[in-house]
Amino acid sequence: MVKHLILKERLDSAAASELRGDIAAAEGGDVTLDASGVVFLGGLCLELLMCARQVWDAAGHGFAIQSPSDAFVENLSRFGLTPGAFSPGGAA
């Protein structure tokens, strides 16, 4: 069964603890994260997402970002990334 998480609008340092808890609760199976409403992605939450993708990859589970908003994609580009960073193997 795939777990679906809807990412918060602002993924800043204040949102990091809740994001970490949401991700931890989804561990053990495939997960998709809906990024359609994201207007800001900060470095700490990006780090959490990238680490989670690595954990899911190592466990052999699916980890995907769905429907990334334009702002999510723009924020990724500030860090030199594309949504492909969340695909298996993490191609930027």
PDB file of N, CA and C in Angstrom:
ATOM      1  N   MET A   1       0.846  -1.185   0.000  1.00  0.00           N
ATOM      2  CA  MET A   1       0.000   0.000   0.000  1.00  0.00           C
ATOM      3  C   MET A   1       0.890   1.247   0.000  1.00  0.00           C
ATOM      4  N   VAL A   2       0.572   2.177  -0.854  1.00  0.00           N
ATOM      5  CA  VAL A   2       1.321   3.428  -0.964  1.00  0.00           C
ATOM      6  C   VAL A   2       0.714   4.447  -0.003  1.00  0.00           C
ATOM      7  N   LYS A   3       1.583   5.082   0.770  1.00  0.00           N
ATOM      8  CA  LYS A   3       1.131   6.151   1.657  1.00  0.00           C
ATOM      9  C   LYS A   3       1.292   7.470   0.921  1.00  0.00           C
ATOM     10  N   HIS A   4       0.309   8.341   1.073  1.00  0.00           N
ATOM     11  CA  HIS A   4       0.320   9.642   0.415  1.00  0.00           C
ATOM     12  C   HIS A   4       0.419  10.734   1.477  1.00  0.00           C
ATOM     13  N   LEU A   5       1.382  11.617   1.301  1.00  0.00           N
ATOM     14  CA  LEU A   5       1.534  12.760   2.192  1.00  0.00           C
ATOM     15  C   LEU A   5       1.388  14.035   1.382  1.00  0.00           C
ATOM     16  N   ILE A   6       0.685  14.990   1.928  1.00  0.00           N
ATOM     17  CA  ILE A   6       0.565  16.298   1.290  1.00  0.00           C
ATOM     18  C   ILE A   6       1.526  17.223   2.017  1.00  0.00           C
ATOM     19  N   LEU A   7       2.498  17.744   1.282  1.00  0.00           N
ATOM     20  CA  LEU A   7       3.483  18.633   1.876  1.00  0.00           C
ATOM     21  C   LEU A   7       2.858  19.982   2.206  1.00  0.00           C
ATOM     22  N   LYS A   8       3.330  20.570   3.297  1.00  0.00           N
ATOM     23  CA  LYS A   8       2.846  21.880   3.734  1.00  0.00           C
ATOM     24  C   LYS A   8       3.242  22.961   2.730  1.00  0.00           C
ATOM     25  N   GLU A   9       2.542  24.077   2.804  1.00  0.00           N
ATOM     26  CA  GLU A   9       2.799  25.196   1.908  1.00  0.00           C
ATOM     27  C   GLU A   9       4.209  25.763   2.106  1.00  0.00           C
ATOM     28  N   ARG A  10       4.601  25.924   3.360  1.00  0.00           N
ATOM     29  CA  ARG A  10       5.940  26.449   3.678  1.00  0.00           C
ATOM     30  C   ARG A  10       6.751  25.357   4.342  1.00  0.00           C
ATOM     31  N   LEU A  11       7.775  24.921   3.667  1.00  0.00           N
ATOM     32  CA  LEU A  11       8.679  23.926   4.214  1.00  0.00           C
ATOM     33  C   LEU A  11       9.953  24.633   4.681  1.00  0.00           C
ATOM     34  N   ASP A  12       9.791  25.418   5.735  1.00  0.00           N
ATOM     35  CA  ASP A  12      10.905  26.161   6.309  1.00  0.00           C
ATOM     36  C   ASP A  12      11.359  25.461   7.590  1.00  0.00           C
ATOM     37  N   SER A  13      12.264  26.063   8.325  1.00  0.00           N
ATOM     38  CA  SER A  13      12.801  25.402   9.511  1.00  0.00           C
ATOM     39  C   SER A  13      11.719  25.151  10.561  1.00  0.00           C
ATOM     40  N   ALA A  14      10.704  25.988  10.619  1.00  0.00           N
ATOM     41  CA  ALA A  14       9.612  25.783  11.569  1.00  0.00           C
ATOM     42  C   ALA A  14       8.785  24.544  11.227  1.00  0.00           C
ATOM     43  N   ALA A  15       8.784  24.139   9.975  1.00  0.00           N
ATOM     44  CA  ALA A  15       8.011  22.979   9.531  1.00  0.00           C
ATOM     45  C   ALA A  15       8.813  21.681   9.582  1.00  0.00           C
ATOM     46  N   ALA A  16      10.110  21.767   9.855  1.00  0.00           N
ATOM     47  CA  ALA A  16      10.989  20.601   9.757  1.00  0.00           C
ATOM     48  C   ALA A  16      10.613  19.478  10.715  1.00  0.00           C
ATOM     49  N   SER A  17      10.293  19.803  11.944  1.00  0.00           N
ATOM     50  CA  SER A  17       9.963  18.768  12.931  1.00  0.00           C
ATOM     51  C   SER A  17       8.713  17.991  12.527  1.00  0.00           C
ATOM     52  N   GLU A  18       7.699  18.707  12.081  1.00  0.00           N
ATOM     53  CA  GLU A  18       6.467  18.043  11.642  1.00  0.00           C
ATOM     54  C   GLU A  18       6.716  17.196  10.388  1.00  0.00           C
ATOM     55  N   LEU A  19       7.504  17.735   9.460  1.00  0.00           N
ATOM     56  CA  LEU A  19       7.835  16.980   8.248  1.00  0.00           C
ATOM     57  C   LEU A  19       8.569  15.697   8.610  1.00  0.00           C
ATOM     58  N   ARG A  20       9.528  15.799   9.522  1.00  0.00           N
ATOM     59  CA  ARG A  20      10.282  14.627   9.960  1.00  0.00           C
ATOM     60  C   ARG A  20       9.335  13.572  10.542  1.00  0.00           C
ATOM     61  N   GLY A  21       8.397  13.996  11.369  1.00  0.00           N
ATOM     62  CA  GLY A  21       7.430  13.071  11.955  1.00  0.00           C
ATOM     63  C   GLY A  21       6.536  12.431  10.917  1.00  0.00           C
ATOM     64  N   ASP A  22       6.072  13.210   9.945  1.00  0.00           N
ATOM     65  CA  ASP A  22       5.223  12.685   8.874  1.00  0.00           C
ATOM     66  C   ASP A  22       5.974  11.637   8.049  1.00  0.00           C
ATOM     67  N   ILE A  23       7.232  11.937   7.750  1.00  0.00           N
ATOM     68  CA  ILE A  23       8.037  11.007   6.958  1.00  0.00           C
ATOM     69  C   ILE A  23       8.303   9.735   7.751  1.00  0.00           C
ATOM     70  N   ALA A  24       8.642   9.883   9.022  1.00  0.00           N
ATOM     71  CA  ALA A  24       8.913   8.708   9.862  1.00  0.00           C
ATOM     72  C   ALA A  24       7.690   7.813   9.967  1.00  0.00           C
ATOM     73  N   ALA A  25       6.510   8.405  10.033  1.00  0.00           N
ATOM     74  CA  ALA A  25       5.277   7.635  10.139  1.00  0.00           C
ATOM     75  C   ALA A  25       4.985   6.840   8.865  1.00  0.00           C
ATOM     76  N   ALA A  26       5.551   7.264   7.753  1.00  0.00           N
ATOM     77  CA  ALA A  26       5.318   6.592   6.469  1.00  0.00           C
ATOM     78  C   ALA A  26       6.366   5.528   6.165  1.00  0.00           C
ATOM     79  N   GLU A  27       7.381   5.409   7.017  1.00  0.00           N
ATOM     80  CA  GLU A  27       8.481   4.483   6.746  1.00  0.00           C
ATOM     81  C   GLU A  27       7.981   3.037   6.736  1.00  0.00           C
ATOM     82  N   GLY A  28       8.605   2.243   5.882  1.00  0.00           N
ATOM     83  CA  GLY A  28       8.276   0.826   5.813  1.00  0.00           C
ATOM     84  C   GLY A  28       7.508   0.431   4.573  1.00  0.00           C
ATOM     85  N   GLY A  29       7.222   1.378   3.715  1.00  0.00           N
ATOM     86  CA  GLY A  29       6.500   1.085   2.483  1.00  0.00           C
ATOM     87  C   GLY A  29       6.695   2.211   1.489  1.00  0.00           C
ATOM     88  N   ASP A  30       6.040   2.090   0.364  1.00  0.00           N
ATOM     89  CA  ASP A  30       6.126   3.118  -0.668  1.00  0.00           C
ATOM     90  C   ASP A  30       5.416   4.386  -0.197  1.00  0.00           C
ATOM     91  N   VAL A  31       5.929   5.517  -0.619  1.00  0.00           N
ATOM     92  CA  VAL A  31       5.332   6.791  -0.236  1.00  0.00           C
ATOM     93  C   VAL A  31       5.374   7.757  -1.418  1.00  0.00           C
ATOM     94  N   THR A  32       4.326   8.556  -1.552  1.00  0.00           N
ATOM     95  CA  THR A  32       4.315   9.668  -2.504  1.00  0.00           C
ATOM     96  C   THR A  32       4.033  10.938  -1.712  1.00  0.00           C
ATOM     97  N   LEU A  33       4.717  11.984  -2.097  1.00  0.00           N
ATOM     98  CA  LEU A  33       4.547  13.271  -1.443  1.00  0.00           C
ATOM     99  C   LEU A  33       4.010  14.264  -2.463  1.00  0.00           C
ATOM    100  N   ASP A  34       2.864  14.836  -2.154  1.00  0.00           N
ATOM    101  CA  ASP A  34       2.222  15.810  -3.038  1.00  0.00           C
ATOM    102  C   ASP A  34       2.822  17.180  -2.751  1.00  0.00           C
ATOM    103  N   ALA A  35       3.543  17.732  -3.712  1.00  0.00           N
ATOM    104  CA  ALA A  35       4.196  19.028  -3.546  1.00  0.00           C
ATOM    105  C   ALA A  35       3.471  20.131  -4.309  1.00  0.00           C
ATOM    106  N   SER A  36       2.221  19.897  -4.659  1.00  0.00           N
ATOM    107  CA  SER A  36       1.494  20.860  -5.496  1.00  0.00           C
ATOM    108  C   SER A  36       1.215  22.181  -4.793  1.00  0.00           C
ATOM    109  N   GLY A  37       1.170  22.190  -3.467  1.00  0.00           N
ATOM    110  CA  GLY A  37       0.857  23.411  -2.741  1.00  0.00           C
ATOM    111  C   GLY A  37       2.062  24.098  -2.123  1.00  0.00           C
ATOM    112  N   VAL A  38       3.249  23.581  -2.372  1.00  0.00           N
ATOM    113  CA  VAL A  38       4.450  24.148  -1.763  1.00  0.00           C
ATOM    114  C   VAL A  38       4.782  25.498  -2.394  1.00  0.00           C
ATOM    115  N   VAL A  39       4.950  26.523  -1.540  1.00  0.00           N
ATOM    116  CA  VAL A  39       5.355  27.847  -2.023  1.00  0.00           C
ATOM    117  C   VAL A  39       6.778  28.188  -1.595  1.00  0.00           C
ATOM    118  N   PHE A  40       7.305  27.460  -0.590  1.00  0.00           N
ATOM    119  CA  PHE A  40       8.672  27.699  -0.140  1.00  0.00           C
ATOM    120  C   PHE A  40       9.287  26.398   0.346  1.00  0.00           C
ATOM    121  N   LEU A  41      10.505  26.126  -0.096  1.00  0.00           N
ATOM    122  CA  LEU A  41      11.266  24.958   0.341  1.00  0.00           C
ATOM    123  C   LEU A  41      12.614  25.434   0.839  1.00  0.00           C
ATOM    124  N   GLY A  42      12.844  25.273   2.136  1.00  0.00           N
ATOM    125  CA  GLY A  42      14.112  25.670   2.734  1.00  0.00           C
ATOM    126  C   GLY A  42      15.096  24.519   2.783  1.00  0.00           C
ATOM    127  N   GLY A  43      16.318  24.850   3.131  1.00  0.00           N
ATOM    128  CA  GLY A  43      17.395  23.871   3.130  1.00  0.00           C
ATOM    129  C   GLY A  43      17.203  22.720   4.095  1.00  0.00           C
ATOM    130  N   LEU A  44      16.703  22.979   5.298  1.00  0.00           N
ATOM    131  CA  LEU A  44      16.539  21.912   6.280  1.00  0.00           C
ATOM    132  C   LEU A  44      15.497  20.895   5.822  1.00  0.00           C
ATOM    133  N   CYS A  45      14.375  21.361   5.309  1.00  0.00           N
ATOM    134  CA  CYS A  45      13.348  20.434   4.822  1.00  0.00           C
ATOM    135  C   CYS A  45      13.820  19.715   3.565  1.00  0.00           C
ATOM    136  N   LEU A  46      14.564  20.391   2.715  1.00  0.00           N
ATOM    137  CA  LEU A  46      15.126  19.722   1.549  1.00  0.00           C
ATOM    138  C   LEU A  46      16.052  18.596   2.001  1.00  0.00           C
ATOM    139  N   GLU A  47      16.868  18.866   3.005  1.00  0.00           N
ATOM    140  CA  GLU A  47      17.769  17.829   3.520  1.00  0.00           C
ATOM    141  C   GLU A  47      16.977  16.636   4.057  1.00  0.00           C
ATOM    142  N   LEU A  48      15.896  16.898   4.764  1.00  0.00           N
ATOM    143  CA  LEU A  48      15.048  15.804   5.257  1.00  0.00           C
ATOM    144  C   LEU A  48      14.488  14.976   4.107  1.00  0.00           C
ATOM    145  N   LEU A  49      14.014  15.657   3.063  1.00  0.00           N
ATOM    146  CA  LEU A  49      13.453  14.949   1.917  1.00  0.00           C
ATOM    147  C   LEU A  49      14.506  14.117   1.195  1.00  0.00           C
ATOM    148  N   MET A  50      15.696  14.680   1.033  1.00  0.00           N
ATOM    149  CA  MET A  50      16.763  13.960   0.341  1.00  0.00           C
ATOM    150  C   MET A  50      17.229  12.749   1.161  1.00  0.00           C
ATOM    151  N   CYS A  51      17.347  12.912   2.462  1.00  0.00           N
ATOM    152  CA  CYS A  51      17.741  11.784   3.319  1.00  0.00           C
ATOM    153  C   CYS A  51      16.667  10.701   3.305  1.00  0.00           C
ATOM    154  N   ALA A  52      15.416  11.115   3.350  1.00  0.00           N
ATOM    155  CA  ALA A  52      14.322  10.142   3.312  1.00  0.00           C
ATOM    156  C   ALA A  52      14.349   9.351   2.006  1.00  0.00           C
ATOM    157  N   ARG A  53      14.606  10.041   0.889  1.00  0.00           N
ATOM    158  CA  ARG A  53      14.681   9.327  -0.390  1.00  0.00           C
ATOM    159  C   ARG A  53      15.779   8.276  -0.342  1.00  0.00           C
ATOM    160  N   GLN A  54      16.902   8.594   0.246  1.00  0.00           N
ATOM    161  CA  GLN A  54      17.993   7.627   0.346  1.00  0.00           C
ATOM    162  C   GLN A  54      17.611   6.436   1.225  1.00  0.00           C
ATOM    163  N   VAL A  55      16.919   6.690   2.320  1.00  0.00           N
ATOM    164  CA  VAL A  55      16.470   5.608   3.208  1.00  0.00           C
ATOM    165  C   VAL A  55      15.491   4.703   2.469  1.00  0.00           C
ATOM    166  N   TRP A  56      14.557   5.303   1.740  1.00  0.00           N
ATOM    167  CA  TRP A  56      13.573   4.515   0.989  1.00  0.00           C
ATOM    168  C   TRP A  56      14.270   3.697  -0.101  1.00  0.00           C
ATOM    169  N   ASP A  57      15.200   4.312  -0.809  1.00  0.00           N
ATOM    170  CA  ASP A  57      15.946   3.589  -1.850  1.00  0.00           C
ATOM    171  C   ASP A  57      16.677   2.391  -1.251  1.00  0.00           C
ATOM    172  N   ALA A  58      17.344   2.599  -0.122  1.00  0.00           N
ATOM    173  CA  ALA A  58      18.115   1.529   0.521  1.00  0.00           C
ATOM    174  C   ALA A  58      17.205   0.383   0.971  1.00  0.00           C
ATOM    175  N   ALA A  59      15.975   0.720   1.343  1.00  0.00           N
ATOM    176  CA  ALA A  59      15.021  -0.295   1.793  1.00  0.00           C
ATOM    177  C   ALA A  59      14.280  -0.948   0.634  1.00  0.00           C
ATOM    178  N   GLY A  60      14.487  -0.431  -0.577  1.00  0.00           N
ATOM    179  CA  GLY A  60      13.804  -0.989  -1.741  1.00  0.00           C
ATOM    180  C   GLY A  60      12.364  -0.555  -1.885  1.00  0.00           C
ATOM    181  N   HIS A  61      12.019   0.571  -1.274  1.00  0.00           N
ATOM    182  CA  HIS A  61      10.654   1.095  -1.365  1.00  0.00           C
ATOM    183  C   HIS A  61      10.621   2.307  -2.291  1.00  0.00           C
ATOM    184  N   GLY A  62       9.463   2.581  -2.830  1.00  0.00           N
ATOM    185  CA  GLY A  62       9.283   3.729  -3.699  1.00  0.00           C
ATOM    186  C   GLY A  62       9.139   5.021  -2.913  1.00  0.00           C
ATOM    187  N   PHE A  63       9.737   6.089  -3.413  1.00  0.00           N
ATOM    188  CA  PHE A  63       9.658   7.416  -2.804  1.00  0.00           C
ATOM    189  C   PHE A  63       9.545   8.400  -3.953  1.00  0.00           C
ATOM    190  N   ALA A  64       8.427   9.098  -4.034  1.00  0.00           N
ATOM    191  CA  ALA A  64       8.216   9.980  -5.186  1.00  0.00           C
ATOM    192  C   ALA A  64       7.578  11.296  -4.764  1.00  0.00           C
ATOM    193  N   ILE A  65       7.976  12.339  -5.457  1.00  0.00           N
ATOM    194  CA  ILE A  65       7.342  13.648  -5.320  1.00  0.00           C
ATOM    195  C   ILE A  65       6.361  13.766  -6.475  1.00  0.00           C
ATOM    196  N   GLN A  66       5.108  14.048  -6.152  1.00  0.00           N
ATOM    197  CA  GLN A  66       4.081  14.203  -7.182  1.00  0.00           C
ATOM    198  C   GLN A  66       3.701  15.667  -7.337  1.00  0.00           C
ATOM    199  N   SER A  67       3.362  16.035  -8.518  1.00  0.00           N
ATOM    200  CA  SER A  67       2.804  17.355  -8.837  1.00  0.00           C
ATOM    201  C   SER A  67       3.566  18.509  -8.201  1.00  0.00           C
ATOM    202  N   PRO A  68       4.875  18.590  -8.416  1.00  0.00           N
ATOM    203  CA  PRO A  68       5.615  19.694  -7.794  1.00  0.00           C
ATOM    204  C   PRO A  68       5.135  21.043  -8.327  1.00  0.00           C
ATOM    205  N   SER A  69       4.878  21.952  -7.406  1.00  0.00           N
ATOM    206  CA  SER A  69       4.464  23.300  -7.806  1.00  0.00           C
ATOM    207  C   SER A  69       5.630  24.009  -8.492  1.00  0.00           C
ATOM    208  N   ASP A  70       5.316  25.067  -9.204  1.00  0.00           N
ATOM    209  CA  ASP A  70       6.373  25.860  -9.830  1.00  0.00           C
ATOM    210  C   ASP A  70       7.351  26.379  -8.774  1.00  0.00           C
ATOM    211  N   ALA A  71       6.808  26.793  -7.620  1.00  0.00           N
ATOM    212  CA  ALA A  71       7.662  27.313  -6.546  1.00  0.00           C
ATOM    213  C   ALA A  71       8.575  26.215  -5.999  1.00  0.00           C
ATOM    214  N   PHE A  72       8.063  24.994  -5.880  1.00  0.00           N
ATOM    215  CA  PHE A  72       8.886  23.870  -5.410  1.00  0.00           C
ATOM    216  C   PHE A  72      10.047  23.647  -6.377  1.00  0.00           C
ATOM    217  N   VAL A  73       9.749  23.631  -7.660  1.00  0.00           N
ATOM    218  CA  VAL A  73      10.782  23.425  -8.680  1.00  0.00           C
ATOM    219  C   VAL A  73      11.790  24.573  -8.652  1.00  0.00           C
ATOM    220  N   GLU A  74      11.315  25.815  -8.530  1.00  0.00           N
ATOM    221  CA  GLU A  74      12.206  26.976  -8.470  1.00  0.00           C
ATOM    222  C   GLU A  74      13.110  26.901  -7.239  1.00  0.00           C
ATOM    223  N   ASN A  75      12.530  26.504  -6.105  1.00  0.00           N
ATOM    224  CA  ASN A  75      13.327  26.387  -4.886  1.00  0.00           C
ATOM    225  C   ASN A  75      14.362  25.281  -5.019  1.00  0.00           C
ATOM    226  N   LEU A  76      14.009  24.171  -5.646  1.00  0.00           N
ATOM    227  CA  LEU A  76      14.994  23.113  -5.894  1.00  0.00           C
ATOM    228  C   LEU A  76      16.149  23.647  -6.738  1.00  0.00           C
ATOM    229  N   SER A  77      15.814  24.440  -7.741  1.00  0.00           N
ATOM    230  CA  SER A  77      16.861  24.949  -8.631  1.00  0.00           C
ATOM    231  C   SER A  77      17.827  25.870  -7.895  1.00  0.00           C
ATOM    232  N   ARG A  78      17.363  26.561  -6.849  1.00  0.00           N
ATOM    233  CA  ARG A  78      18.262  27.386  -6.031  1.00  0.00           C
ATOM    234  C   ARG A  78      19.361  26.536  -5.394  1.00  0.00           C
ATOM    235  N   PHE A  79      19.035  25.267  -5.156  1.00  0.00           N
ATOM    236  CA  PHE A  79      19.998  24.344  -4.561  1.00  0.00           C
ATOM    237  C   PHE A  79      20.709  23.502  -5.623  1.00  0.00           C
ATOM    238  N   GLY A  80      20.471  23.815  -6.892  1.00  0.00           N
ATOM    239  CA  GLY A  80      21.126  23.092  -7.975  1.00  0.00           C
ATOM    240  C   GLY A  80      20.504  21.744  -8.275  1.00  0.00           C
ATOM    241  N   LEU A  81      19.222  21.578  -7.935  1.00  0.00           N
ATOM    242  CA  LEU A  81      18.534  20.299  -8.125  1.00  0.00           C
ATOM    243  C   LEU A  81      17.322  20.449  -9.042  1.00  0.00           C
ATOM    244  N   THR A  82      16.830  19.313  -9.491  1.00  0.00           N
ATOM    245  CA  THR A  82      15.577  19.230 -10.235  1.00  0.00           C
ATOM    246  C   THR A  82      14.699  18.197  -9.536  1.00  0.00           C
ATOM    247  N   PRO A  83      13.427  18.090  -9.898  1.00  0.00           N
ATOM    248  CA  PRO A  83      12.594  17.046  -9.302  1.00  0.00           C
ATOM    249  C   PRO A  83      13.153  15.631  -9.521  1.00  0.00           C
ATOM    250  N   GLY A  84      13.993  15.457 -10.529  1.00  0.00           N
ATOM    251  CA  GLY A  84      14.626  14.154 -10.754  1.00  0.00           C
ATOM    252  C   GLY A  84      15.507  13.705  -9.604  1.00  0.00           C
ATOM    253  N   ALA A  85      15.874  14.617  -8.717  1.00  0.00           N
ATOM    254  CA  ALA A  85      16.668  14.262  -7.542  1.00  0.00           C
ATOM    255  C   ALA A  85      15.912  13.300  -6.631  1.00  0.00           C
ATOM    256  N   PHE A  86      14.601  13.234  -6.791  1.00  0.00           N
ATOM    257  CA  PHE A  86      13.787  12.346  -5.968  1.00  0.00           C
ATOM    258  C   PHE A  86      13.407  11.046  -6.660  1.00  0.00           C
ATOM    259  N   SER A  87      13.921  10.851  -7.854  1.00  0.00           N
ATOM    260  CA  SER A  87      13.656   9.585  -8.541  1.00  0.00           C
ATOM    261  C   SER A  87      14.655   8.539  -8.062  1.00  0.00           C
ATOM    262  N   PRO A  88      14.387   7.258  -8.301  1.00  0.00           N
ATOM    263  CA  PRO A  88      15.327   6.225  -7.866  1.00  0.00           C
ATOM    264  C   PRO A  88      16.734   6.514  -8.400  1.00  0.00           C
ATOM    265  N   GLY A  89      17.693   6.466  -7.522  1.00  0.00           N
ATOM    266  CA  GLY A  89      19.058   6.775  -7.915  1.00  0.00           C
ATOM    267  C   GLY A  89      19.400   8.245  -7.786  1.00  0.00           C
ATOM    268  N   GLY A  90      18.375   9.098  -7.654  1.00  0.00           N
ATOM    269  CA  GLY A  90      18.583  10.512  -7.403  1.00  0.00           C
ATOM    270  C   GLY A  90      19.238  11.314  -8.501  1.00  0.00           C
ATOM    271  N   ALA A  91      18.864  11.075  -9.742  1.00  0.00           N
ATOM    272  CA  ALA A  91      19.426  11.870 -10.841  1.00  0.00           C
ATOM    273  C   ALA A  91      18.995  13.314 -10.693  1.00  0.00           C
ATOM    274  N   ALA A  92      19.946  14.228 -10.726  1.00  0.00           N
ATOM    275  CA  ALA A  92      19.611  15.648 -10.597  1.00  0.00           C
ATOM    276  C   ALA A  92      19.036  16.145 -11.902  1.00  0.00           C
TER     277      ALA A  92
END
